[in-house]
Amino acid sequence: MASFIRTALIALVALLLLAILWVWLTLTWSYSEGERAGYVQKFSRKGWLCKTWEGEIAMVTMPGAIPDRFEFSVRDDAVAAQINALAGKRVVLTYQQHKFIPSNCFGETEYFVSGARVVEEQPGSPAPAVAPPLM
C-alpha cells in the first residue's frame, strides 16, 4: 500500500512538473512575430482572477475598404499605458504569437503585444496633372 501511494505521488509530481514546463514553453517560445498597423477600436482590462488587457485594432488597407480586425492581448501595464496614450491615432503594434497556451488566464488571444508606436502619416502626393485631350 505504501509503494502505491509513493508511486501515485511521484506520478502526480511528474504531471505537475510537465504542466509547469508546458506553460513556461508556450509563454516564452513564440510561434511568430510581427507588426500590425491600424486604429485601436477596443481596449479594456478584463478577467475575473487573471486581469489582462484585451484589445482590437481595425486594419484599413485603403480608404473605403472594409477593415480587418486584429484582436490582441497585453500582459504588461507599461505597454497598455503606451497604447492608451496613442488612442485615436494610427498605431503599429509589435506582437508575438504564442500557440497552445493551456488557459486564457494569460490572455484571451494568442497574440501578445509587446510594443506600440504611432504611424507617421505621409502626406499624400498630389495626383499627376492630366493634359487636356487633343482635338
C-alpha atoms as a PDB file:
ATOM      1  CA  MET A   1       0.000   0.000   0.000  1.00  0.00           C
ATOM      2  CA  ALA A   2       2.826   2.416   0.836  1.00  0.00           C
ATOM      3  CA  SER A   3       4.504   1.742  -2.517  1.00  0.00           C
ATOM      4  CA  PHE A   4       1.240   2.530  -4.340  1.00  0.00           C
ATOM      5  CA  ILE A   5       0.911   5.878  -2.558  1.00  0.00           C
ATOM      6  CA  ARG A   6       4.559   6.642  -3.260  1.00  0.00           C
ATOM      7  CA  THR A   7       4.153   5.775  -6.976  1.00  0.00           C
ATOM      8  CA  ALA A   8       0.969   7.845  -7.227  1.00  0.00           C
ATOM      9  CA  LEU A   9       2.682  10.791  -5.544  1.00  0.00           C
ATOM     10  CA  ILE A  10       5.674  10.550  -7.913  1.00  0.00           C
ATOM     11  CA  ALA A  11       3.298  10.408 -10.907  1.00  0.00           C
ATOM     12  CA  LEU A  12       1.378  13.422  -9.614  1.00  0.00           C
ATOM     13  CA  VAL A  13       4.566  15.456  -9.112  1.00  0.00           C
ATOM     14  CA  ALA A  14       5.778  14.436 -12.602  1.00  0.00           C
ATOM     15  CA  LEU A  15       2.474  15.563 -14.161  1.00  0.00           C
ATOM     16  CA  LEU A  16       2.632  18.842 -12.284  1.00  0.00           C
ATOM     17  CA  LEU A  17       6.207  19.456 -13.465  1.00  0.00           C
ATOM     18  CA  LEU A  18       5.217  18.645 -17.056  1.00  0.00           C
ATOM     19  CA  ALA A  19       2.301  21.083 -16.859  1.00  0.00           C
ATOM     20  CA  ILE A  20       4.565  23.825 -15.495  1.00  0.00           C
ATOM     21  CA  LEU A  21       7.107  23.115 -18.247  1.00  0.00           C
ATOM     22  CA  TRP A  22       4.365  23.251 -20.914  1.00  0.00           C
ATOM     23  CA  VAL A  23       3.054  26.626 -19.671  1.00  0.00           C
ATOM     24  CA  TRP A  24       6.580  28.026 -19.494  1.00  0.00           C
ATOM     25  CA  LEU A  25       7.369  26.828 -23.037  1.00  0.00           C
ATOM     26  CA  THR A  26       4.184  28.233 -24.571  1.00  0.00           C
ATOM     27  CA  LEU A  27       4.675  31.614 -22.901  1.00  0.00           C
ATOM     28  CA  THR A  28       8.379  32.059 -23.694  1.00  0.00           C
ATOM     29  CA  TRP A  29       8.758  30.478 -27.128  1.00  0.00           C
ATOM     30  CA  SER A  30       6.922  32.412 -29.814  1.00  0.00           C
ATOM     31  CA  TYR A  31       5.457  30.790 -32.898  1.00  0.00           C
ATOM     32  CA  SER A  32       5.620  34.003 -34.939  1.00  0.00           C
ATOM     33  CA  GLU A  33       6.454  37.677 -34.541  1.00  0.00           C
ATOM     34  CA  GLY A  34       5.387  40.715 -36.491  1.00  0.00           C
ATOM     35  CA  GLU A  35       3.708  44.078 -36.649  1.00  0.00           C
ATOM     36  CA  ARG A  36       0.155  45.171 -37.432  1.00  0.00           C
ATOM     37  CA  ALA A  37      -0.959  48.723 -38.158  1.00  0.00           C
ATOM     38  CA  GLY A  38      -4.378  50.214 -37.639  1.00  0.00           C
ATOM     39  CA  TYR A  39      -6.645  52.160 -35.336  1.00  0.00           C
ATOM     40  CA  VAL A  40      -7.388  50.879 -31.831  1.00  0.00           C
ATOM     41  CA  GLN A  41     -11.138  50.192 -31.636  1.00  0.00           C
ATOM     42  CA  LYS A  42     -11.435  48.475 -28.264  1.00  0.00           C
ATOM     43  CA  PHE A  43      -9.048  48.263 -25.365  1.00  0.00           C
ATOM     44  CA  SER A  44     -10.001  47.206 -21.859  1.00  0.00           C
ATOM     45  CA  ARG A  45      -8.767  45.323 -18.829  1.00  0.00           C
ATOM     46  CA  LYS A  46     -10.650  42.030 -18.469  1.00  0.00           C
ATOM     47  CA  GLY A  47     -10.728  38.892 -16.374  1.00  0.00           C
ATOM     48  CA  TRP A  48     -12.202  37.516 -13.177  1.00  0.00           C
ATOM     49  CA  LEU A  49      -8.987  36.422 -11.492  1.00  0.00           C
ATOM     50  CA  CYS A  50      -6.257  36.994 -14.057  1.00  0.00           C
ATOM     51  CA  LYS A  51      -6.582  40.537 -15.380  1.00  0.00           C
ATOM     52  CA  THR A  52      -5.156  41.191 -18.840  1.00  0.00           C
ATOM     53  CA  TRP A  53      -5.601  43.987 -21.315  1.00  0.00           C
ATOM     54  CA  GLU A  54      -7.589  42.877 -24.358  1.00  0.00           C
ATOM     55  CA  GLY A  55      -7.917  44.940 -27.487  1.00  0.00           C
ATOM     56  CA  GLU A  56      -8.762  45.112 -31.133  1.00  0.00           C
ATOM     57  CA  ILE A  57      -7.453  47.231 -33.981  1.00  0.00           C
ATOM     58  CA  ALA A  58      -9.096  47.931 -37.312  1.00  0.00           C
ATOM     59  CA  MET A  59      -6.613  47.475 -40.138  1.00  0.00           C
ATOM     60  CA  VAL A  60      -7.647  49.556 -43.140  1.00  0.00           C
ATOM     61  CA  THR A  61      -5.762  48.873 -46.355  1.00  0.00           C
ATOM     62  CA  MET A  62      -7.299  51.693 -48.374  1.00  0.00           C
ATOM     63  CA  PRO A  63      -9.988  54.320 -47.811  1.00  0.00           C
ATOM     64  CA  GLY A  64     -13.468  52.904 -48.247  1.00  0.00           C
ATOM     65  CA  ALA A  65     -12.364  49.274 -47.801  1.00  0.00           C
ATOM     66  CA  ILE A  66     -13.860  47.071 -45.110  1.00  0.00           C
ATOM     67  CA  PRO A  67     -11.298  46.911 -42.285  1.00  0.00           C
ATOM     68  CA  ASP A  68      -9.872  43.654 -40.986  1.00  0.00           C
ATOM     69  CA  ARG A  69      -9.882  43.193 -37.225  1.00  0.00           C
ATOM     70  CA  PHE A  70      -6.850  42.104 -35.238  1.00  0.00           C
ATOM     71  CA  GLU A  71      -7.561  41.002 -31.668  1.00  0.00           C
ATOM     72  CA  PHE A  72      -4.683  41.071 -29.212  1.00  0.00           C
ATOM     73  CA  SER A  73      -3.730  40.737 -25.552  1.00  0.00           C
ATOM     74  CA  VAL A  74      -1.347  42.838 -23.463  1.00  0.00           C
ATOM     75  CA  ARG A  75       0.185  41.481 -20.269  1.00  0.00           C
ATOM     76  CA  ASP A  76       2.467  44.451 -19.490  1.00  0.00           C
ATOM     77  CA  ASP A  77       0.845  47.517 -17.870  1.00  0.00           C
ATOM     78  CA  ALA A  78       3.524  49.812 -19.344  1.00  0.00           C
ATOM     79  CA  VAL A  79       2.630  48.692 -22.891  1.00  0.00           C
ATOM     80  CA  ALA A  80      -1.073  49.117 -22.063  1.00  0.00           C
ATOM     81  CA  ALA A  81      -0.395  52.700 -20.942  1.00  0.00           C
ATOM     82  CA  GLN A  82       1.505  53.279 -24.184  1.00  0.00           C
ATOM     83  CA  ILE A  83      -1.479  52.061 -26.237  1.00  0.00           C
ATOM     84  CA  ASN A  84      -3.917  54.169 -24.188  1.00  0.00           C
ATOM     85  CA  ALA A  85      -1.745  57.252 -24.791  1.00  0.00           C
ATOM     86  CA  LEU A  86      -1.936  56.668 -28.566  1.00  0.00           C
ATOM     87  CA  ALA A  87      -5.746  56.459 -28.661  1.00  0.00           C
ATOM     88  CA  GLY A  88      -7.245  57.960 -31.792  1.00  0.00           C
ATOM     89  CA  LYS A  89      -4.033  57.709 -33.804  1.00  0.00           C
ATOM     90  CA  ARG A  90      -2.900  55.141 -36.353  1.00  0.00           C
ATOM     91  CA  VAL A  91      -0.548  52.817 -34.484  1.00  0.00           C
ATOM     92  CA  VAL A  92       1.822  49.956 -35.217  1.00  0.00           C
ATOM     93  CA  LEU A  93       1.666  47.130 -32.696  1.00  0.00           C
ATOM     94  CA  THR A  94       4.617  44.764 -32.324  1.00  0.00           C
ATOM     95  CA  TYR A  95       3.409  41.317 -31.324  1.00  0.00           C
ATOM     96  CA  GLN A  96       4.411  37.728 -30.704  1.00  0.00           C
ATOM     97  CA  GLN A  97       2.109  34.792 -31.366  1.00  0.00           C
ATOM     98  CA  HIS A  98       2.083  32.067 -28.724  1.00  0.00           C
ATOM     99  CA  LYS A  99       0.121  28.951 -29.663  1.00  0.00           C
ATOM    100  CA  PHE A 100      -1.379  26.267 -27.414  1.00  0.00           C
ATOM    101  CA  ILE A 101      -1.401  28.232 -24.152  1.00  0.00           C
ATOM    102  CA  PRO A 102      -3.454  25.996 -21.839  1.00  0.00           C
ATOM    103  CA  SER A 103      -5.506  28.743 -20.197  1.00  0.00           C
ATOM    104  CA  ASN A 104      -6.931  32.131 -21.106  1.00  0.00           C
ATOM    105  CA  CYS A 105      -5.649  33.372 -17.762  1.00  0.00           C
ATOM    106  CA  PHE A 106      -2.569  34.687 -19.596  1.00  0.00           C
ATOM    107  CA  GLY A 107      -4.622  36.413 -22.301  1.00  0.00           C
ATOM    108  CA  GLU A 108      -7.761  35.752 -24.327  1.00  0.00           C
ATOM    109  CA  THR A 109      -5.914  35.675 -27.653  1.00  0.00           C
ATOM    110  CA  GLU A 110      -2.699  34.071 -28.842  1.00  0.00           C
ATOM    111  CA  TYR A 111      -1.298  37.442 -29.977  1.00  0.00           C
ATOM    112  CA  PHE A 112       0.635  39.280 -27.252  1.00  0.00           C
ATOM    113  CA  VAL A 113       1.582  42.892 -27.941  1.00  0.00           C
ATOM    114  CA  SER A 114       4.995  43.949 -26.670  1.00  0.00           C
ATOM    115  CA  GLY A 115       5.189  47.490 -28.049  1.00  0.00           C
ATOM    116  CA  ALA A 116       3.284  50.255 -29.788  1.00  0.00           C
ATOM    117  CA  ARG A 117       4.251  53.306 -31.775  1.00  0.00           C
ATOM    118  CA  VAL A 118       2.383  55.930 -33.736  1.00  0.00           C
ATOM    119  CA  VAL A 119       2.485  55.809 -37.538  1.00  0.00           C
ATOM    120  CA  GLU A 120       3.892  58.968 -39.019  1.00  0.00           C
ATOM    121  CA  GLU A 121       1.394  59.720 -41.767  1.00  0.00           C
ATOM    122  CA  GLN A 122       2.998  60.572 -45.082  1.00  0.00           C
ATOM    123  CA  PRO A 123       1.288  63.434 -46.844  1.00  0.00           C
ATOM    124  CA  GLY A 124      -0.415  62.105 -49.947  1.00  0.00           C
ATOM    125  CA  SER A 125       1.287  63.030 -53.171  1.00  0.00           C
ATOM    126  CA  PRO A 126      -0.866  65.178 -55.396  1.00  0.00           C
ATOM    127  CA  ALA A 127      -2.386  63.459 -58.387  1.00  0.00           C
ATOM    128  CA  PRO A 128      -0.422  63.989 -61.575  1.00  0.00           C
ATOM    129  CA  ALA A 129      -1.774  66.705 -63.807  1.00  0.00           C
ATOM    130  CA  VAL A 130      -3.838  65.371 -66.662  1.00  0.00           C
ATOM    131  CA  ALA A 131      -3.304  67.030 -70.001  1.00  0.00           C
ATOM    132  CA  PRO A 132      -6.465  68.196 -71.782  1.00  0.00           C
ATOM    133  CA  PRO A 133      -7.480  65.969 -74.674  1.00  0.00           C
ATOM    134  CA  LEU A 134      -6.112  66.928 -78.053  1.00  0.00           C
ATOM    135  CA  MET A 135      -8.584  67.676 -80.794  1.00  0.00           C
END
